[in-house]
N, C-alpha and C. Protein backbone atom coordinates (compact mmCIF):
# COMPACT_ATOMS: atom_id res chain seq x y z
N MET A 1 113.55 104.68 92.68
CA MET A 1 112.26 104.83 93.31
C MET A 1 111.27 103.83 92.71
N VAL A 2 110.41 103.33 93.58
CA VAL A 2 109.35 102.43 93.15
C VAL A 2 108.11 103.26 92.87
N LYS A 3 107.49 102.98 91.74
CA LYS A 3 106.22 103.60 91.37
C LYS A 3 105.20 102.49 91.17
N MET A 4 103.92 102.80 91.44
CA MET A 4 102.91 101.76 91.40
C MET A 4 101.70 102.16 90.56
N ILE A 5 101.18 101.15 89.87
CA ILE A 5 99.89 101.24 89.20
C ILE A 5 99.00 100.30 89.99
N VAL A 6 97.92 100.84 90.56
CA VAL A 6 97.08 100.03 91.44
C VAL A 6 95.63 100.01 90.96
N GLY A 7 94.93 98.98 91.38
CA GLY A 7 93.51 98.85 91.06
C GLY A 7 93.09 97.40 91.24
N GLU A 8 91.81 97.20 91.32
CA GLU A 8 91.28 95.85 91.47
C GLU A 8 91.63 95.00 90.26
N LYS A 9 91.58 93.71 90.44
CA LYS A 9 91.85 92.76 89.37
C LYS A 9 90.91 93.02 88.19
N GLY A 10 91.48 92.99 86.97
CA GLY A 10 90.69 93.16 85.76
C GLY A 10 90.41 94.60 85.37
N ARG A 11 91.08 95.55 85.98
CA ARG A 11 90.81 96.96 85.70
C ARG A 11 91.75 97.58 84.65
N GLY A 12 92.68 96.80 84.07
CA GLY A 12 93.52 97.32 83.00
C GLY A 12 94.92 97.74 83.40
N LYS A 13 95.38 97.31 84.55
CA LYS A 13 96.72 97.68 85.01
C LYS A 13 97.81 97.16 84.08
N THR A 14 97.67 95.93 83.63
CA THR A 14 98.68 95.34 82.74
C THR A 14 98.79 96.11 81.44
N LYS A 15 97.69 96.50 80.86
CA LYS A 15 97.70 97.27 79.61
C LYS A 15 98.45 98.59 79.81
N ILE A 16 98.18 99.26 80.92
CA ILE A 16 98.87 100.51 81.23
C ILE A 16 100.37 100.25 81.38
N LEU A 17 100.72 99.19 82.09
CA LEU A 17 102.13 98.85 82.30
C LEU A 17 102.82 98.51 80.98
N LEU A 18 102.15 97.75 80.12
CA LEU A 18 102.72 97.41 78.81
C LEU A 18 102.94 98.67 77.97
N ASP A 19 101.98 99.57 77.98
CA ASP A 19 102.15 100.83 77.25
C ASP A 19 103.34 101.61 77.79
N MET A 20 103.49 101.65 79.11
CA MET A 20 104.61 102.37 79.72
C MET A 20 105.95 101.75 79.37
N VAL A 21 106.05 100.42 79.42
CA VAL A 21 107.33 99.77 79.13
C VAL A 21 107.71 99.95 77.67
N ASN A 22 106.76 99.85 76.77
CA ASN A 22 107.06 100.05 75.35
C ASN A 22 107.44 101.49 75.05
N GLU A 23 106.79 102.44 75.71
CA GLU A 23 107.15 103.84 75.54
C GLU A 23 108.55 104.11 76.08
N ALA A 24 108.85 103.53 77.24
CA ALA A 24 110.17 103.71 77.85
C ALA A 24 111.27 103.13 76.96
N ALA A 25 110.97 102.04 76.28
CA ALA A 25 111.97 101.41 75.41
C ALA A 25 112.38 102.33 74.28
N GLY A 26 111.47 103.14 73.80
CA GLY A 26 111.78 104.06 72.71
C GLY A 26 112.74 105.16 73.10
N ALA A 27 112.74 105.53 74.37
CA ALA A 27 113.59 106.62 74.84
C ALA A 27 114.75 106.15 75.71
N ALA A 28 114.87 104.87 75.93
CA ALA A 28 115.86 104.35 76.88
C ALA A 28 117.28 104.44 76.36
N THR A 29 118.18 104.77 77.26
CA THR A 29 119.61 104.72 76.95
C THR A 29 120.24 103.47 77.56
N GLY A 30 119.50 102.81 78.46
CA GLY A 30 119.96 101.57 79.08
C GLY A 30 118.99 100.44 78.76
N ASN A 31 119.14 99.35 79.49
CA ASN A 31 118.31 98.17 79.26
C ASN A 31 117.06 98.19 80.14
N ILE A 32 116.01 97.60 79.61
CA ILE A 32 114.73 97.55 80.32
C ILE A 32 114.31 96.09 80.46
N VAL A 33 113.80 95.75 81.64
CA VAL A 33 113.35 94.38 81.93
C VAL A 33 111.89 94.42 82.35
N PHE A 34 111.12 93.47 81.85
CA PHE A 34 109.71 93.29 82.21
C PHE A 34 109.59 91.93 82.88
N ILE A 35 109.22 91.93 84.16
CA ILE A 35 109.06 90.68 84.92
C ILE A 35 107.57 90.36 85.00
N ASP A 36 107.23 89.11 84.69
CA ASP A 36 105.85 88.67 84.74
C ASP A 36 105.79 87.24 85.23
N LYS A 37 104.59 86.78 85.56
CA LYS A 37 104.40 85.42 86.07
C LYS A 37 104.45 84.36 84.97
N ASP A 38 104.35 84.79 83.70
CA ASP A 38 104.38 83.87 82.57
C ASP A 38 104.83 84.62 81.32
N LYS A 39 104.72 83.98 80.17
CA LYS A 39 105.16 84.59 78.91
C LYS A 39 103.99 85.13 78.07
N SER A 40 102.84 85.28 78.67
CA SER A 40 101.65 85.63 77.90
C SER A 40 101.73 86.98 77.19
N HIS A 41 102.59 87.87 77.64
CA HIS A 41 102.69 89.20 77.01
C HIS A 41 103.94 89.35 76.14
N MET A 42 104.58 88.25 75.83
CA MET A 42 105.83 88.28 75.07
C MET A 42 105.70 89.06 73.76
N PHE A 43 104.64 88.86 73.04
CA PHE A 43 104.50 89.48 71.72
C PHE A 43 103.95 90.90 71.78
N GLU A 44 103.64 91.37 72.98
CA GLU A 44 103.17 92.74 73.15
C GLU A 44 104.32 93.68 73.52
N LEU A 45 105.49 93.12 73.76
CA LEU A 45 106.65 93.91 74.14
C LEU A 45 107.56 94.16 72.95
N LYS A 46 108.14 95.35 72.89
CA LYS A 46 109.12 95.64 71.84
C LYS A 46 110.30 94.69 72.03
N ASN A 47 110.97 94.38 70.93
CA ASN A 47 112.00 93.35 70.98
C ASN A 47 113.22 93.71 71.81
N MET A 48 113.44 94.98 72.14
CA MET A 48 114.60 95.34 72.95
C MET A 48 114.34 95.21 74.45
N ILE A 49 113.12 94.84 74.82
CA ILE A 49 112.76 94.67 76.23
C ILE A 49 112.97 93.20 76.61
N ARG A 50 113.65 92.99 77.71
CA ARG A 50 113.88 91.62 78.16
C ARG A 50 112.72 91.17 79.04
N LEU A 51 112.05 90.11 78.64
CA LEU A 51 110.97 89.52 79.43
C LEU A 51 111.55 88.43 80.31
N VAL A 52 111.25 88.50 81.60
CA VAL A 52 111.66 87.46 82.54
C VAL A 52 110.40 86.83 83.11
N ASN A 53 110.27 85.54 82.89
CA ASN A 53 109.13 84.76 83.34
C ASN A 53 109.49 84.12 84.68
N THR A 54 108.91 84.60 85.77
CA THR A 54 109.25 84.05 87.09
C THR A 54 108.75 82.62 87.27
N GLY A 55 107.84 82.18 86.41
CA GLY A 55 107.38 80.80 86.48
C GLY A 55 108.48 79.80 86.20
N ASP A 56 109.56 80.24 85.57
CA ASP A 56 110.69 79.37 85.28
C ASP A 56 111.64 79.21 86.46
N TYR A 57 111.41 79.95 87.53
CA TYR A 57 112.34 79.98 88.66
C TYR A 57 111.64 79.55 89.94
N ASN A 58 112.41 79.15 90.91
CA ASN A 58 111.89 78.62 92.18
C ASN A 58 111.73 79.74 93.21
N ILE A 59 110.84 80.67 92.93
CA ILE A 59 110.60 81.77 93.86
C ILE A 59 109.42 81.37 94.75
N LYS A 60 109.71 81.16 96.04
CA LYS A 60 108.67 80.68 96.95
C LYS A 60 108.22 81.70 97.99
N ASN A 61 108.99 82.78 98.15
CA ASN A 61 108.62 83.79 99.15
C ASN A 61 109.22 85.13 98.75
N THR A 62 108.90 86.16 99.53
CA THR A 62 109.35 87.51 99.17
C THR A 62 110.86 87.66 99.27
N ASP A 63 111.50 86.98 100.20
CA ASP A 63 112.95 87.07 100.30
C ASP A 63 113.62 86.54 99.03
N LYS A 64 113.13 85.41 98.53
CA LYS A 64 113.68 84.87 97.28
C LYS A 64 113.39 85.82 96.12
N PHE A 65 112.21 86.42 96.11
CA PHE A 65 111.90 87.37 95.05
C PHE A 65 112.85 88.57 95.08
N LEU A 66 113.10 89.11 96.27
CA LEU A 66 114.00 90.26 96.37
C LEU A 66 115.41 89.89 95.90
N GLY A 67 115.88 88.72 96.26
CA GLY A 67 117.18 88.25 95.77
C GLY A 67 117.18 88.09 94.26
N PHE A 68 116.08 87.58 93.74
CA PHE A 68 115.92 87.43 92.29
C PHE A 68 115.99 88.79 91.59
N ALA A 69 115.27 89.78 92.14
CA ALA A 69 115.29 91.12 91.55
C ALA A 69 116.69 91.73 91.60
N GLU A 70 117.39 91.55 92.72
CA GLU A 70 118.76 92.06 92.81
C GLU A 70 119.66 91.35 91.81
N GLY A 71 119.44 90.08 91.60
CA GLY A 71 120.23 89.34 90.61
C GLY A 71 120.02 89.87 89.20
N ILE A 72 118.79 90.18 88.86
CA ILE A 72 118.49 90.75 87.54
C ILE A 72 119.19 92.09 87.37
N ILE A 73 119.13 92.91 88.41
CA ILE A 73 119.77 94.22 88.35
C ILE A 73 121.29 94.07 88.26
N SER A 74 121.86 93.16 89.03
CA SER A 74 123.32 93.02 89.06
C SER A 74 123.88 92.38 87.80
N ALA A 75 123.05 91.71 87.03
CA ALA A 75 123.53 91.02 85.83
C ALA A 75 123.96 91.99 84.73
N ASP A 76 123.52 93.24 84.84
CA ASP A 76 123.83 94.21 83.79
C ASP A 76 123.78 95.61 84.40
N HIS A 77 124.90 96.31 84.40
CA HIS A 77 124.96 97.64 85.01
C HIS A 77 124.27 98.70 84.18
N ASP A 78 123.78 98.34 83.00
CA ASP A 78 123.05 99.28 82.16
C ASP A 78 121.55 99.20 82.35
N ARG A 79 121.09 98.49 83.37
CA ARG A 79 119.65 98.41 83.62
C ARG A 79 119.16 99.82 83.95
N GLU A 80 118.11 100.21 83.26
CA GLU A 80 117.55 101.54 83.47
C GLU A 80 116.22 101.48 84.21
N LYS A 81 115.37 100.54 83.78
CA LYS A 81 114.04 100.41 84.39
C LYS A 81 113.69 98.94 84.53
N LEU A 82 112.93 98.67 85.58
CA LEU A 82 112.44 97.33 85.84
C LEU A 82 110.93 97.44 86.03
N PHE A 83 110.18 96.75 85.18
CA PHE A 83 108.72 96.74 85.27
C PHE A 83 108.31 95.37 85.79
N ILE A 84 107.38 95.37 86.75
CA ILE A 84 106.92 94.11 87.34
C ILE A 84 105.40 94.07 87.28
N ASP A 85 104.87 93.11 86.52
CA ASP A 85 103.43 92.92 86.42
C ASP A 85 102.99 91.86 87.43
N ASN A 86 101.73 91.94 87.85
CA ASN A 86 101.18 90.95 88.79
C ASN A 86 102.04 90.84 90.05
N PHE A 87 102.35 91.97 90.64
CA PHE A 87 103.32 92.01 91.74
C PHE A 87 103.02 91.03 92.86
N LEU A 88 101.76 90.90 93.26
CA LEU A 88 101.44 90.00 94.36
C LEU A 88 101.79 88.55 94.03
N LYS A 89 101.53 88.13 92.81
CA LYS A 89 101.84 86.76 92.40
C LYS A 89 103.33 86.57 92.17
N VAL A 90 103.95 87.52 91.50
CA VAL A 90 105.37 87.41 91.16
C VAL A 90 106.24 87.43 92.42
N SER A 91 105.91 88.31 93.37
CA SER A 91 106.73 88.47 94.58
C SER A 91 106.42 87.45 95.66
N LYS A 92 105.35 86.67 95.45
CA LYS A 92 104.91 85.67 96.44
C LYS A 92 104.57 86.32 97.78
N THR A 93 103.99 87.48 97.71
CA THR A 93 103.58 88.20 98.92
C THR A 93 102.37 87.50 99.52
N SER A 94 102.49 87.10 100.78
CA SER A 94 101.41 86.33 101.39
C SER A 94 100.26 87.22 101.86
N ASP A 95 100.56 88.41 102.34
CA ASP A 95 99.54 89.34 102.81
C ASP A 95 99.55 90.55 101.88
N PRO A 96 98.50 90.74 101.07
CA PRO A 96 98.53 91.79 100.06
C PRO A 96 98.65 93.20 100.62
N ILE A 97 98.41 93.39 101.88
CA ILE A 97 98.53 94.74 102.44
C ILE A 97 99.77 94.84 103.34
N GLY A 98 99.89 94.00 104.35
CA GLY A 98 101.01 94.08 105.30
C GLY A 98 102.36 93.76 104.69
N ASP A 99 102.48 92.59 104.08
CA ASP A 99 103.75 92.17 103.51
C ASP A 99 104.16 93.02 102.31
N VAL A 100 103.19 93.48 101.55
CA VAL A 100 103.52 94.25 100.35
C VAL A 100 104.23 95.55 100.73
N ALA A 101 103.85 96.17 101.82
CA ALA A 101 104.49 97.42 102.24
C ALA A 101 105.97 97.18 102.54
N GLU A 102 106.26 96.12 103.27
CA GLU A 102 107.66 95.81 103.60
C GLU A 102 108.46 95.44 102.35
N THR A 103 107.87 94.67 101.46
CA THR A 103 108.55 94.27 100.23
C THR A 103 108.83 95.50 99.36
N ILE A 104 107.89 96.40 99.27
CA ILE A 104 108.09 97.61 98.46
C ILE A 104 109.14 98.51 99.09
N LYS A 105 109.20 98.58 100.41
CA LYS A 105 110.27 99.34 101.07
C LYS A 105 111.64 98.77 100.70
N GLU A 106 111.73 97.45 100.72
CA GLU A 106 112.99 96.79 100.33
C GLU A 106 113.33 97.09 98.87
N LEU A 107 112.33 96.99 98.00
CA LEU A 107 112.55 97.30 96.58
C LEU A 107 112.98 98.75 96.39
N ASP A 108 112.42 99.63 97.19
CA ASP A 108 112.77 101.05 97.12
C ASP A 108 114.25 101.25 97.46
N MET A 109 114.73 100.55 98.50
CA MET A 109 116.15 100.64 98.87
C MET A 109 117.03 100.12 97.74
N ILE A 110 116.63 99.00 97.14
CA ILE A 110 117.38 98.43 96.01
C ILE A 110 117.39 99.42 94.85
N SER A 111 116.24 99.99 94.56
CA SER A 111 116.09 100.96 93.48
C SER A 111 117.02 102.15 93.67
N ASN A 112 117.03 102.70 94.87
CA ASN A 112 117.88 103.86 95.16
C ASN A 112 119.36 103.49 95.14
N LYS A 113 119.70 102.35 95.68
CA LYS A 113 121.10 101.92 95.73
C LYS A 113 121.69 101.76 94.33
N PHE A 114 120.90 101.20 93.40
CA PHE A 114 121.41 100.91 92.06
C PHE A 114 120.91 101.88 91.00
N SER A 115 120.22 102.94 91.43
CA SER A 115 119.71 103.98 90.52
C SER A 115 118.91 103.39 89.36
N ILE A 116 117.94 102.58 89.72
CA ILE A 116 117.07 101.97 88.72
C ILE A 116 115.62 102.26 89.11
N GLU A 117 114.83 102.64 88.14
CA GLU A 117 113.42 102.91 88.38
C GLU A 117 112.64 101.60 88.31
N ILE A 118 111.79 101.36 89.30
CA ILE A 118 110.99 100.14 89.34
C ILE A 118 109.52 100.54 89.33
N ILE A 119 108.79 100.01 88.35
CA ILE A 119 107.37 100.30 88.20
C ILE A 119 106.62 98.97 88.32
N ILE A 120 105.63 98.92 89.21
CA ILE A 120 104.91 97.67 89.44
C ILE A 120 103.41 97.87 89.25
N SER A 121 102.73 96.77 88.90
CA SER A 121 101.27 96.77 88.93
C SER A 121 100.86 95.93 90.13
N LEU A 122 99.89 96.45 90.86
CA LEU A 122 99.51 95.84 92.12
C LEU A 122 97.99 95.77 92.22
N ALA A 123 97.45 94.58 92.46
CA ALA A 123 96.00 94.37 92.48
C ALA A 123 95.40 94.68 93.84
N VAL A 124 95.48 95.95 94.22
CA VAL A 124 94.79 96.48 95.39
C VAL A 124 94.31 97.88 95.04
N THR A 125 93.34 98.38 95.76
CA THR A 125 92.91 99.75 95.51
C THR A 125 93.84 100.70 96.26
N LYS A 126 93.89 101.93 95.82
CA LYS A 126 94.75 102.92 96.47
C LYS A 126 94.36 103.08 97.94
N GLY A 127 93.07 103.03 98.23
CA GLY A 127 92.60 103.18 99.59
C GLY A 127 93.04 102.06 100.52
N GLU A 128 93.35 100.89 99.98
CA GLU A 128 93.79 99.76 100.81
C GLU A 128 95.27 99.86 101.19
N LEU A 129 96.02 100.71 100.50
CA LEU A 129 97.45 100.82 100.75
C LEU A 129 97.73 101.60 102.03
N PRO A 130 98.78 101.21 102.76
CA PRO A 130 99.20 102.01 103.91
C PRO A 130 99.60 103.42 103.46
N GLY A 131 99.48 104.38 104.36
CA GLY A 131 99.75 105.78 104.05
C GLY A 131 101.10 106.03 103.40
N GLU A 132 102.14 105.33 103.85
CA GLU A 132 103.49 105.58 103.31
C GLU A 132 103.64 105.14 101.85
N LEU A 133 102.73 104.32 101.36
CA LEU A 133 102.79 103.88 99.96
C LEU A 133 101.94 104.73 99.03
N GLN A 134 101.06 105.53 99.58
CA GLN A 134 100.15 106.34 98.77
C GLN A 134 100.90 107.22 97.76
N GLU A 135 102.01 107.81 98.17
CA GLU A 135 102.75 108.72 97.30
C GLU A 135 103.44 108.01 96.13
N LYS A 136 103.56 106.71 96.20
CA LYS A 136 104.20 105.94 95.13
C LYS A 136 103.24 105.61 93.99
N VAL A 137 101.96 105.82 94.19
CA VAL A 137 100.95 105.51 93.18
C VAL A 137 101.00 106.57 92.07
N ILE A 138 101.25 106.09 90.84
CA ILE A 138 101.25 107.00 89.70
C ILE A 138 99.96 106.89 88.89
N LYS A 139 99.23 105.78 89.10
CA LYS A 139 97.97 105.58 88.39
C LYS A 139 97.12 104.62 89.21
N ALA A 140 95.88 105.03 89.46
CA ALA A 140 94.92 104.18 90.15
C ALA A 140 93.75 103.96 89.19
N VAL A 141 93.42 102.69 88.92
CA VAL A 141 92.33 102.38 88.00
C VAL A 141 91.25 101.56 88.70
């Protein structure tokens, strides 16, 4: 299942996500991955968390991003959780409302198929999200 932390830019979503990933690492029985647009949070993550910098890869659209996410999941069957910061930038979503709903639906299918929890931070307000995504919000800031 995909879970979301939402709020306008600069409202503290990344801090919440970092706290969640570090807490999850303490209790994890599998591997945890943190995907971000750069390496700026490398030293804020516990050493057992794998940081993936999408800036190192040629992700140009949401289809490539979804393939990239599936590749990360398929690389290790012990993946337990996948955290994605700056979702709009990382996923190359062109329309923050329309395209994001379809991309999250696809991620949800991937999550269910491979039994991996995916938590994302998304720079939109809860009110801007389509109705079907409202239930996925675990924190709105």
